[in-house]
């Protein structure tokens, strides 16, 4: 039954092309436009020195974006006018993970929230377990998403089943950007404090540096969320 539910969820997910075609992706410092018909624009925002705009083309090859930079205007062209690739992963209906070699600070690797033809980088929170049931994992996901309403700083999703021991809960911070991971941990601590049924957990740093999430929540196998309240 669990396998069937997961398969159904995967079938309903958007494709990488759904996420990026004719979409603006970025934040207050930088954003790119992957326009229809392969038109590319990259914008670096600098109020002191002036903005830099890179023009060019893009195409999708499988799950990988290929960008060719052909023109540039602005003070940062030497650093910004470069070809690059970015591999797109679909983590959930609105969660994109990206492995990119774009010139900084363009389109960095990590986690993104995507909605209405736009994606923005956020703190990525992945929830995994070896043995916890899907209902419990969704309860953790719902609790974290509910706490993020109005704050808009995280994107949360349930990852694949892990082979790691999850007899006890723990949280790992990604070493790709440890300062961001520490900030994510502090948010997560506050969020989990409002869900006492989650129980105790330990904290550590992930051994890998190429993770595309910022914090990963390992949910213990026997976690029991409270029953949902029925509406009258």
Protein backbone atom coordinates (compact mmCIF):
# COMPACT_ATOMS: atom_id res chain seq x y z
CA UNK A 1 0.00 0.00 0.00
CA UNK A 2 2.80 2.43 0.93
CA UNK A 3 4.63 1.69 -2.33
CA UNK A 4 1.45 2.36 -4.30
CA UNK A 5 0.89 5.69 -2.52
CA UNK A 6 4.46 6.81 -3.18
CA UNK A 7 4.22 5.78 -6.84
CA UNK A 8 0.98 7.76 -7.21
CA UNK A 9 2.59 10.83 -5.62
CA UNK A 10 5.57 10.62 -7.97
CA UNK A 11 3.29 10.37 -11.01
CA UNK A 12 1.58 13.60 -10.00
CA UNK A 13 4.80 15.60 -9.59
CA UNK A 14 5.79 18.26 -12.14
CA UNK A 15 8.66 17.58 -14.50
CA UNK A 16 11.91 19.61 -14.38
CA UNK A 17 10.72 21.42 -17.51
CA UNK A 18 7.45 22.36 -15.76
CA UNK A 19 9.48 24.10 -13.06
CA UNK A 20 11.79 26.14 -15.26
CA UNK A 21 10.13 26.90 -18.61
CA UNK A 22 9.25 30.62 -18.90
CA UNK A 23 10.11 31.12 -15.22
CA UNK A 24 11.96 33.75 -13.18
CA UNK A 25 14.24 32.29 -10.53
CA UNK A 26 16.16 34.19 -7.86
CA UNK A 27 16.04 36.65 -4.98
CA UNK A 28 16.79 40.29 -4.19
CA UNK A 29 20.48 39.95 -5.16
CA UNK A 30 20.13 38.07 -8.43
CA UNK A 31 17.55 36.52 -10.70
CA UNK A 32 17.42 34.80 -14.05
CA UNK A 33 14.69 34.58 -16.67
CA UNK A 34 14.37 31.34 -18.62
CA UNK A 35 12.01 32.74 -21.25
CA UNK A 36 10.05 30.76 -23.79
CA UNK A 37 11.78 29.92 -27.08
CA UNK A 38 15.14 29.63 -25.32
CA UNK A 39 15.75 33.30 -24.46
CA UNK A 40 17.94 33.76 -21.37
CA UNK A 41 18.43 36.80 -19.11
CA UNK A 42 20.54 37.00 -15.99
CA UNK A 43 20.36 40.00 -13.63
CA UNK A 44 22.78 40.96 -10.86
CA UNK A 45 21.44 43.71 -8.62
CA UNK A 46 23.98 46.16 -7.20
CA UNK A 47 22.67 49.50 -5.92
CA UNK A 48 26.19 50.87 -5.44
CA UNK A 49 27.91 49.92 -8.72
CA UNK A 50 24.91 49.43 -10.96
CA UNK A 51 23.15 46.33 -12.26
CA UNK A 52 24.63 43.78 -14.63
CA UNK A 53 22.47 42.05 -17.26
CA UNK A 54 23.64 38.93 -19.11
CA UNK A 55 21.81 37.85 -22.26
CA UNK A 56 21.94 34.59 -24.15
CA UNK A 57 20.10 31.34 -24.75
CA UNK A 58 19.12 28.25 -22.83
CA UNK A 59 17.91 24.75 -23.56
CA UNK A 60 16.89 21.70 -21.57
CA UNK A 61 18.72 18.42 -22.08
CA UNK A 62 17.05 15.75 -19.99
CA UNK A 63 17.01 17.21 -16.48
CA UNK A 64 19.84 19.68 -17.13
CA UNK A 65 19.64 23.34 -18.13
CA UNK A 66 22.40 24.47 -20.51
CA UNK A 67 22.99 28.25 -20.64
CA UNK A 68 25.03 30.03 -23.31
CA UNK A 69 25.94 33.64 -22.45
CA UNK A 70 26.33 35.77 -25.60
CA UNK A 71 25.99 39.36 -24.37
CA UNK A 72 26.43 41.42 -21.23
CA UNK A 73 26.02 44.99 -19.96
CA UNK A 74 27.18 46.25 -16.58
CA UNK A 75 30.15 46.35 -14.19
CA UNK A 76 30.28 42.61 -13.38
CA UNK A 77 30.39 41.22 -16.92
CA UNK A 78 33.88 39.75 -16.53
CA UNK A 79 32.67 37.45 -13.75
CA UNK A 80 29.05 37.00 -14.83
CA UNK A 81 29.24 36.37 -18.59
CA UNK A 82 29.92 32.64 -18.51
CA UNK A 83 28.24 29.53 -19.85
CA UNK A 84 26.96 27.10 -17.23
CA UNK A 85 24.79 24.08 -16.55
CA UNK A 86 22.30 23.38 -13.78
CA UNK A 87 20.77 19.98 -12.99
CA UNK A 88 17.14 20.20 -11.82
CA UNK A 89 15.64 17.76 -9.32
CA UNK A 90 11.95 17.55 -8.42
CA UNK A 91 11.64 16.96 -4.68
CA UNK A 92 7.91 17.75 -4.27
CA UNK A 93 5.08 19.59 -6.01
CA UNK A 94 6.64 22.98 -5.17
CA UNK A 95 10.15 21.96 -4.15
CA UNK A 96 13.06 22.08 -6.60
CA UNK A 97 16.64 21.07 -5.82
CA UNK A 98 19.42 22.39 -8.02
CA UNK A 99 23.03 21.40 -8.65
CA UNK A 100 24.55 24.34 -10.50
CA UNK A 101 27.96 25.58 -11.65
CA UNK A 102 26.67 29.07 -12.51
CA UNK A 103 29.04 31.96 -11.74
CA UNK A 104 28.29 33.27 -8.21
CA UNK A 105 25.93 34.62 -7.10
CA UNK A 106 23.79 33.48 -10.04
CA UNK A 107 21.41 30.53 -9.64
CA UNK A 108 23.21 28.81 -6.71
CA UNK A 109 22.97 25.12 -5.85
CA UNK A 110 20.44 24.27 -3.18
CA UNK A 111 16.70 24.21 -2.51
CA UNK A 112 14.00 26.33 -4.16
CA UNK A 113 10.30 26.96 -3.66
CA UNK A 114 8.45 27.18 -7.01
CA UNK A 115 4.97 28.59 -7.59
CA UNK A 116 3.21 30.54 -10.36
CA UNK A 117 6.10 30.71 -12.87
CA UNK A 118 8.62 31.74 -10.23
CA UNK A 119 11.18 30.00 -8.00
CA UNK A 120 13.09 31.42 -5.05
CA UNK A 121 15.98 29.95 -3.05
CA UNK A 122 14.95 28.89 0.44
CA UNK A 123 16.19 26.82 3.35
CA UNK A 124 15.64 23.21 2.30
CA UNK A 125 14.25 20.79 4.90
CA UNK A 126 14.14 17.12 3.88
CA UNK A 127 12.24 14.60 6.04
CA UNK A 128 13.31 10.94 5.92
CA UNK A 129 12.90 7.74 7.90
CA UNK A 130 13.60 4.05 7.60
CA UNK A 131 10.48 2.77 9.32
CA UNK A 132 8.07 5.58 10.27
CA UNK A 133 4.75 5.28 8.49
CA UNK A 134 3.75 7.75 5.80
CA UNK A 135 1.03 9.26 8.00
CA UNK A 136 3.66 10.18 10.61
CA UNK A 137 5.99 11.67 7.99
CA UNK A 138 3.18 13.81 6.61
CA UNK A 139 2.36 14.97 10.16
CA UNK A 140 5.96 16.20 10.56
CA UNK A 141 5.83 17.84 7.12
CA UNK A 142 2.49 19.54 7.87
CA UNK A 143 3.75 20.82 11.23
CA UNK A 144 6.85 22.40 9.67
CA UNK A 145 4.95 23.91 6.73
CA UNK A 146 2.32 25.36 9.05
CA UNK A 147 5.01 27.09 11.11
CA UNK A 148 6.50 28.56 7.93
CA UNK A 149 3.29 30.32 6.84
CA UNK A 150 3.94 34.05 6.67
CA UNK A 151 7.67 33.55 7.22
CA UNK A 152 8.41 32.11 3.77
CA UNK A 153 11.95 31.01 4.58
CA UNK A 154 11.83 27.24 4.17
CA UNK A 155 10.72 24.64 1.65
CA UNK A 156 9.85 21.23 3.11
CA UNK A 157 9.51 17.83 1.48
CA UNK A 158 9.55 14.09 2.27
CA UNK A 159 12.55 12.32 0.80
CA UNK A 160 13.07 8.67 -0.21
CA UNK A 161 13.28 5.92 2.41
CA UNK A 162 16.70 5.80 4.07
CA UNK A 163 18.81 2.76 4.96
CA UNK A 164 20.21 4.64 7.97
CA UNK A 165 19.17 3.65 11.49
CA UNK A 166 16.19 5.73 12.63
CA UNK A 167 15.46 4.10 15.96
CA UNK A 168 15.96 7.63 17.33
CA UNK A 169 15.28 11.00 15.72
CA UNK A 170 18.11 13.31 14.69
CA UNK A 171 18.79 16.38 12.57
CA UNK A 172 21.77 16.82 10.24
CA UNK A 173 23.08 20.11 8.86
CA UNK A 174 24.53 20.19 5.35
CA UNK A 175 28.20 21.15 5.17
CA UNK A 176 27.75 22.82 1.76
CA UNK A 177 26.85 26.06 3.53
CA UNK A 178 27.23 25.39 7.24
CA UNK A 179 26.22 28.90 8.31
CA UNK A 180 22.94 28.50 6.43
CA UNK A 181 22.58 25.05 7.98
CA UNK A 182 23.02 26.49 11.48
CA UNK A 183 20.42 29.18 10.80
CA UNK A 184 18.07 26.49 9.50
CA UNK A 185 18.64 24.43 12.64
CA UNK A 186 17.60 27.31 14.89
CA UNK A 187 14.36 27.73 12.91
CA UNK A 188 13.73 24.01 13.06
CA UNK A 189 14.25 23.85 16.82
CA UNK A 190 11.59 26.50 17.32
CA UNK A 191 9.20 24.75 14.96
CA UNK A 192 9.62 21.32 16.57
CA UNK A 193 9.14 22.83 20.03
CA UNK A 194 5.48 23.33 19.07
CA UNK A 195 5.16 19.60 18.23
CA UNK A 196 6.03 17.85 21.53
CA UNK A 197 4.91 14.50 20.11
CA UNK A 198 8.01 14.55 17.88
CA UNK A 199 10.12 13.89 20.97
CA UNK A 200 13.83 14.23 21.62
CA UNK A 201 16.46 14.35 18.89
CA UNK A 202 20.18 14.78 18.45
CA UNK A 203 21.98 17.24 16.14
CA UNK A 204 25.03 16.74 13.91
CA UNK A 205 26.72 17.71 10.66
CA UNK A 206 26.18 15.62 7.52
CA UNK A 207 29.37 13.89 6.34
CA UNK A 208 28.64 14.86 2.70
CA UNK A 209 29.18 18.40 1.40
CA UNK A 210 27.21 18.01 -1.83
CA UNK A 211 23.76 17.81 -0.21
CA UNK A 212 21.14 20.08 -1.79
CA UNK A 213 19.02 20.37 1.37
CA UNK A 214 20.15 22.49 4.32
CA UNK A 215 18.81 20.36 7.17
CA UNK A 216 17.63 16.76 7.06
CA UNK A 217 15.20 15.47 9.68
CA UNK A 218 15.53 11.75 10.48
CA UNK A 219 12.20 10.72 12.02
CA UNK A 220 12.29 7.84 14.50
CA UNK A 221 10.50 4.70 13.39
CA UNK A 222 7.85 4.68 16.15
CA UNK A 223 6.88 8.37 16.23
CA UNK A 224 3.17 8.81 16.95
CA UNK A 225 1.58 12.18 16.06
CA UNK A 226 -1.67 13.12 17.78
CA UNK A 227 -4.90 12.23 15.95
CA UNK A 228 -6.27 14.89 13.66
CA UNK A 229 -9.10 16.94 15.07
CA UNK A 230 -12.33 16.42 13.20
CA UNK A 231 -14.28 19.48 12.14
CA UNK A 232 -17.88 19.77 13.25
